[in-house]
Amino acid sequence: MSQPDTQKNSRIDTYRSRIENALGYAEVWDIVKDSVKDTIGEHRVGMMLFLDDLPFQLGAYHPLGTNNIVLNRALVHVVEAATKSKRLVNSFVYSLLLHEYLHALGYIPEAQVRPLVYRVSKTCFGDEHIVTRLAEKSPWALLRGVPLGEIEAPRRVMEIVKDFEKTHRDYIV
């Protein structure tokens, strides 16, 4: 195997291990940021994550002009209950956060964002990983057969995820 192939496989193995072992939103977020930086060379700091109970057709959104991403807490709970797999839940959350992060970086049209989600996912996780399959098909592919229309999610207060993005500054401006 050539040097570039070895490096590519090593990168893929590293990302796969990280998504498998991620504990919580902040660790998945770090994977999102690193994969975008590695693939398209862009990054943004200071993002905040909010959890809210949204309609099931909406996974997450980024209000333009803000540093916020709002993730559908109720939908994540349905994925947790339906899959009972940390790897699948992390992959689902990764896909949603990646999509919204690309919007936050200035990629606004869906026709531009969806192929980028696929490109970043395939580059960092390889062809056959669930992250790439979700980017190719849809994050809702995990929920095929789940009667979302019959589920009544409670309506709770929106919450902010504490320590979502770690900044490495020891000073205050």
Protein backbone atom coordinates (compact mmCIF):
# COMPACT_ATOMS: atom_id res chain seq x y z
CA MET A 1 0.00 0.00 0.00
CA SER A 2 1.34 3.44 -0.90
CA GLN A 3 2.01 6.21 1.61
CA PRO A 4 -1.10 8.28 0.64
CA ASP A 5 -3.34 5.18 0.88
CA THR A 6 -1.92 4.34 4.32
CA GLN A 7 -2.50 7.91 5.52
CA LYS A 8 -6.05 7.90 4.10
CA ASN A 9 -6.89 4.60 5.82
CA SER A 10 -5.34 5.82 9.07
CA ARG A 11 -7.46 9.00 8.93
CA ILE A 12 -10.61 6.97 8.22
CA ASP A 13 -9.84 4.56 11.07
CA THR A 14 -9.28 7.50 13.43
CA TYR A 15 -12.58 9.18 12.55
CA ARG A 16 -14.47 5.90 12.81
CA SER A 17 -13.01 5.25 16.25
CA ARG A 18 -13.79 8.78 17.40
CA ILE A 19 -17.46 8.61 16.34
CA GLU A 20 -17.83 5.17 17.92
CA ASN A 21 -16.41 6.37 21.24
CA ALA A 22 -17.74 9.93 21.41
CA LEU A 23 -19.45 10.75 24.68
CA GLY A 24 -21.96 13.50 24.18
CA TYR A 25 -22.59 16.42 21.91
CA ALA A 26 -19.29 18.22 22.55
CA GLU A 27 -17.19 15.25 21.41
CA VAL A 28 -19.33 14.73 18.29
CA TRP A 29 -19.00 18.47 17.62
CA ASP A 30 -15.21 18.24 17.79
CA ILE A 31 -15.37 15.49 15.16
CA VAL A 32 -17.58 17.69 12.96
CA LYS A 33 -15.17 20.63 13.17
CA ASP A 34 -12.08 18.47 12.59
CA SER A 35 -13.61 16.67 9.60
CA VAL A 36 -14.60 19.95 7.93
CA LYS A 37 -11.15 21.45 8.56
CA ASP A 38 -9.48 18.30 7.18
CA THR A 39 -11.70 18.17 4.09
CA ILE A 40 -12.38 21.75 3.01
CA GLY A 41 -9.95 23.66 5.21
CA GLU A 42 -12.54 25.87 6.90
CA HIS A 43 -13.49 26.40 10.51
CA ARG A 44 -15.46 28.68 12.77
CA VAL A 45 -15.32 29.07 16.54
CA GLY A 46 -17.83 30.23 19.11
CA MET A 47 -20.77 28.06 18.10
CA MET A 48 -23.45 27.23 20.64
CA LEU A 49 -25.84 24.27 20.68
CA PHE A 50 -29.43 24.45 21.85
CA LEU A 51 -31.75 21.47 22.27
CA ASP A 52 -35.43 21.95 21.51
CA ASP A 53 -38.42 19.73 20.78
CA LEU A 54 -39.15 20.42 17.12
CA PRO A 55 -41.41 18.73 14.57
CA PHE A 56 -39.93 15.36 13.59
CA GLN A 57 -39.40 16.47 9.96
CA LEU A 58 -36.82 19.01 11.20
CA GLY A 59 -33.55 17.61 12.51
CA ALA A 60 -31.81 20.87 13.29
CA TYR A 61 -31.44 24.42 12.07
CA HIS A 62 -28.96 27.28 12.08
CA PRO A 63 -30.53 30.73 12.38
CA LEU A 64 -28.58 32.75 9.81
CA GLY A 65 -26.47 35.51 11.29
CA THR A 66 -26.06 33.75 14.65
CA ASN A 67 -23.56 31.38 16.19
CA ASN A 68 -26.35 28.99 17.17
CA ILE A 69 -27.41 25.54 16.10
CA VAL A 70 -30.72 24.20 17.38
CA LEU A 71 -30.92 20.40 17.47
CA ASN A 72 -34.21 18.49 17.70
CA ARG A 73 -33.94 16.89 21.14
CA ALA A 74 -37.13 14.83 20.68
CA LEU A 75 -35.85 13.36 17.41
CA VAL A 76 -32.51 12.41 19.00
CA HIS A 77 -34.44 10.63 21.79
CA VAL A 78 -36.45 8.70 19.18
CA VAL A 79 -33.21 7.62 17.45
CA GLU A 80 -31.77 6.55 20.83
CA ALA A 81 -34.86 4.45 21.56
CA ALA A 82 -35.11 2.99 18.05
CA THR A 83 -31.45 2.04 17.58
CA LYS A 84 -30.10 1.51 21.11
CA SER A 85 -26.65 2.09 19.59
CA LYS A 86 -24.27 4.85 20.64
CA ARG A 87 -22.50 4.61 17.25
CA LEU A 88 -25.75 5.11 15.34
CA VAL A 89 -26.91 7.98 17.56
CA ASN A 90 -23.50 9.67 17.27
CA SER A 91 -23.58 9.19 13.49
CA PHE A 92 -27.07 10.68 13.31
CA VAL A 93 -26.10 13.69 15.45
CA TYR A 94 -22.88 14.11 13.45
CA SER A 95 -24.85 14.27 10.19
CA LEU A 96 -27.24 16.91 11.52
CA LEU A 97 -24.52 19.03 13.12
CA LEU A 98 -22.28 18.80 10.05
CA HIS A 99 -25.12 20.02 7.83
CA GLU A 100 -25.84 23.01 10.08
CA TYR A 101 -22.15 23.81 10.58
CA LEU A 102 -21.75 24.11 6.81
CA HIS A 103 -24.64 26.59 6.81
CA ALA A 104 -22.86 28.50 9.60
CA LEU A 105 -19.72 28.61 7.44
CA GLY A 106 -21.70 30.39 4.74
CA TYR A 107 -22.86 27.53 2.55
CA ILE A 108 -26.53 28.46 2.43
CA PRO A 109 -28.31 26.69 -0.48
CA GLU A 110 -29.32 23.11 0.30
CA ALA A 111 -28.15 22.13 -3.19
CA GLN A 112 -24.65 23.18 -2.11
CA VAL A 113 -24.73 21.82 1.46
CA ARG A 114 -25.98 18.28 0.84
CA PRO A 115 -23.17 17.31 -1.56
CA LEU A 116 -20.64 18.86 0.84
CA VAL A 117 -22.02 16.79 3.72
CA TYR A 118 -21.53 13.70 1.57
CA ARG A 119 -18.01 14.74 0.50
CA VAL A 120 -16.84 15.43 4.07
CA SER A 121 -18.44 12.21 5.34
CA LYS A 122 -16.97 10.01 2.58
CA THR A 123 -13.52 11.57 2.89
CA CYS A 124 -13.33 11.11 6.66
CA PHE A 125 -15.34 7.91 7.22
CA GLY A 126 -15.00 5.99 3.93
CA ASP A 127 -17.65 4.64 1.56
CA GLU A 128 -19.25 2.00 3.74
CA HIS A 129 -19.59 3.75 7.10
CA ILE A 130 -23.03 4.65 8.45
CA VAL A 131 -22.08 8.36 8.53
CA THR A 132 -21.52 8.27 4.77
CA ARG A 133 -24.68 6.26 4.14
CA LEU A 134 -26.71 8.79 6.14
CA ALA A 135 -25.15 11.63 4.13
CA GLU A 136 -25.97 9.83 0.88
CA LYS A 137 -29.55 8.85 1.74
CA SER A 138 -30.77 10.95 4.67
CA PRO A 139 -30.36 10.91 8.45
CA TRP A 140 -33.99 9.76 8.57
CA ALA A 141 -32.90 6.47 6.95
CA LEU A 142 -32.23 5.30 10.53
CA LEU A 143 -35.92 5.76 11.29
CA ARG A 144 -37.47 3.80 8.45
CA GLY A 145 -40.33 1.83 9.91
CA VAL A 146 -40.65 4.04 13.00
CA PRO A 147 -44.17 5.56 13.02
CA LEU A 148 -43.10 9.15 13.74
CA GLY A 149 -46.64 10.41 13.16
CA GLU A 150 -47.89 8.36 16.10
CA ILE A 151 -45.29 9.59 18.59
CA GLU A 152 -46.26 12.44 20.84
CA ALA A 153 -43.15 14.20 22.04
CA PRO A 154 -43.38 16.33 25.16
CA ARG A 155 -42.85 20.04 24.67
CA ARG A 156 -40.09 21.20 27.00
CA VAL A 157 -38.14 24.41 27.42
CA MET A 158 -35.24 24.92 25.02
CA GLU A 159 -31.92 24.27 26.74
CA ILE A 160 -28.35 25.24 25.99
CA VAL A 161 -25.68 22.54 25.95
CA LYS A 162 -23.04 23.62 28.43
CA ASP A 163 -19.37 23.26 27.45
CA PHE A 164 -20.39 22.48 23.87
CA GLU A 165 -17.42 24.17 22.28
CA LYS A 166 -14.16 24.23 24.09
CA THR A 167 -12.10 27.33 23.51
CA HIS A 168 -8.42 27.28 24.34
CA ARG A 169 -8.06 30.74 25.77
CA ASP A 170 -6.79 31.59 29.20
CA TYR A 171 -7.70 35.26 28.97
CA ILE A 172 -10.73 37.49 28.65
CA VAL A 173 -10.80 40.34 26.16
